[in-house]
Protein backbone atom coordinates (compact mmCIF):
# COMPACT_ATOMS: atom_id res chain seq x y z
CA UNK A 1 2.92 24.75 -0.67
CA UNK A 2 0.82 27.77 0.20
CA UNK A 3 -2.48 26.22 -0.85
CA UNK A 4 -2.14 22.99 1.13
CA UNK A 5 -4.74 22.26 3.76
CA UNK A 6 -4.12 22.21 7.49
CA UNK A 7 -4.79 18.46 7.72
CA UNK A 8 -2.49 17.47 4.85
CA UNK A 9 -0.32 15.27 7.11
CA UNK A 10 -3.31 13.34 8.41
CA UNK A 11 -4.58 12.80 4.89
CA UNK A 12 -1.21 11.46 3.71
CA UNK A 13 -1.12 9.03 6.63
CA UNK A 14 -4.68 7.91 5.85
CA UNK A 15 -3.70 7.45 2.20
CA UNK A 16 -1.47 4.52 3.17
CA UNK A 17 -3.78 2.86 5.70
CA UNK A 18 -5.34 0.44 3.24
CA UNK A 19 -9.09 1.11 2.68
CA UNK A 20 -8.89 4.44 4.54
CA UNK A 21 -7.21 5.84 1.41
CA UNK A 22 -10.72 6.57 0.17
CA UNK A 23 -11.08 9.33 2.80
CA UNK A 24 -8.38 11.68 1.42
CA UNK A 25 -9.41 10.77 -2.12
CA UNK A 26 -12.92 12.09 -1.45
CA UNK A 27 -12.15 14.96 0.95
CA UNK A 28 -9.02 16.60 -0.49
CA UNK A 29 -9.96 17.13 -4.12
CA UNK A 30 -8.02 20.42 -4.34
CA UNK A 31 -4.63 19.07 -3.21
CA UNK A 32 -3.04 17.20 -6.13
CA UNK A 33 -0.28 15.74 -3.96
CA UNK A 34 -2.71 14.25 -1.44
CA UNK A 35 -4.79 12.92 -4.34
CA UNK A 36 -1.70 11.19 -5.77
CA UNK A 37 -0.85 9.62 -2.41
CA UNK A 38 -4.44 8.42 -1.96
CA UNK A 39 -4.46 6.86 -5.43
CA UNK A 40 -1.04 5.33 -4.77
CA UNK A 41 -2.35 3.89 -1.50
CA UNK A 42 -5.30 2.31 -3.28
CA UNK A 43 -3.06 0.87 -6.01
CA UNK A 44 -0.79 -0.56 -3.30
CA UNK A 45 -3.84 -2.06 -1.59
CA UNK A 46 -4.92 -3.80 -4.80
CA UNK A 47 -1.40 -5.10 -5.52
CA UNK A 48 -0.99 -6.35 -1.96
CA UNK A 49 -4.35 -8.10 -1.99
CA UNK A 50 -3.49 -9.86 -5.24
CA UNK A 51 -0.10 -10.89 -3.86
CA UNK A 52 -1.50 -12.13 -0.55
CA UNK A 53 -4.39 -14.03 -2.15
CA UNK A 54 -1.99 -15.68 -4.59
CA UNK A 55 0.41 -16.62 -1.80
CA UNK A 56 -2.42 -17.91 0.37
CA UNK A 57 -3.63 -20.15 -2.44
CA UNK A 58 -0.10 -21.36 -3.10
CA UNK A 59 0.48 -22.02 0.60
CA UNK A 60 -2.79 -23.94 0.85
CA UNK A 61 -2.02 -26.12 -2.15
CA UNK A 62 1.55 -26.79 -1.08
CA UNK A 63 0.36 -27.42 2.48
CA UNK A 64 -2.01 -30.08 1.20
CA UNK A 65 0.78 -31.77 -0.73
CA UNK A 66 3.51 -31.56 1.88
CA UNK A 67 2.93 -30.20 5.35
CA UNK A 68 6.53 -29.06 5.90
CA UNK A 69 6.67 -26.88 2.80
CA UNK A 70 3.27 -25.43 3.68
CA UNK A 71 4.60 -24.40 7.09
CA UNK A 72 7.69 -22.87 5.49
CA UNK A 73 5.54 -20.87 3.10
CA UNK A 74 3.42 -19.72 6.04
CA UNK A 75 6.55 -18.30 7.65
CA UNK A 76 7.32 -16.60 4.34
CA UNK A 77 3.87 -14.95 4.48
CA UNK A 78 4.84 -13.36 7.79
CA UNK A 79 7.92 -11.86 6.14
CA UNK A 80 5.75 -10.57 3.30
CA UNK A 81 3.47 -8.83 5.83
CA UNK A 82 6.48 -7.21 7.51
CA UNK A 83 7.74 -6.02 4.11
CA UNK A 84 4.31 -4.59 3.26
CA UNK A 85 4.20 -2.70 6.55
CA UNK A 86 7.71 -1.41 5.88
CA UNK A 87 6.70 -0.12 2.45
CA UNK A 88 3.73 1.70 3.97
CA UNK A 89 5.86 3.27 6.70
CA UNK A 90 8.45 4.45 4.17
CA UNK A 91 5.69 5.82 1.92
CA UNK A 92 4.18 7.75 4.85
CA UNK A 93 7.56 9.17 5.87
CA UNK A 94 8.38 10.22 2.31
CA UNK A 95 4.90 11.70 1.84
CA UNK A 96 5.20 13.73 5.02
CA UNK A 97 8.55 15.01 3.75
CA UNK A 98 7.00 16.21 0.52
CA UNK A 99 8.36 13.49 -1.77
CA UNK A 100 6.88 10.33 -3.27
CA UNK A 101 7.82 6.68 -2.96
CA UNK A 102 8.00 5.34 -6.50
CA UNK A 103 7.63 1.58 -6.75
CA UNK A 104 8.51 0.33 -10.25
CA UNK A 105 5.63 -1.47 -11.91
CA UNK A 106 3.05 -0.27 -9.37
CA UNK A 107 3.34 3.50 -9.00
CA UNK A 108 2.64 4.12 -12.68
CA UNK A 109 -0.96 3.03 -12.12
CA UNK A 110 -1.53 5.86 -9.62
CA UNK A 111 -0.84 8.36 -12.42
CA UNK A 112 -3.43 6.78 -14.73
CA UNK A 113 -6.45 7.77 -12.61
């Protein structure tokens, strides 16, 4: 990519650091690949927030009904966080390598913007 900027790697890393994805979205308007990664990072942020809010509500309701199941769901939330971090790490590694991590059902929204 001859027209890529000198801070492309930093921008791809920022694209997957939750709200910091706004930085490459605003600063790297000429690099279509960085723009895609920034949009993908924001779509991932929205999907993760919806998932975590839904699981938190479910855990709270189940915890009120039965304490043991609420504790078990809390442990499940920790596994979800680890999985989310893993997805972000893989997306950063693939982005630095010049490819994209395509997540079915989620990545299509990055192309719509």
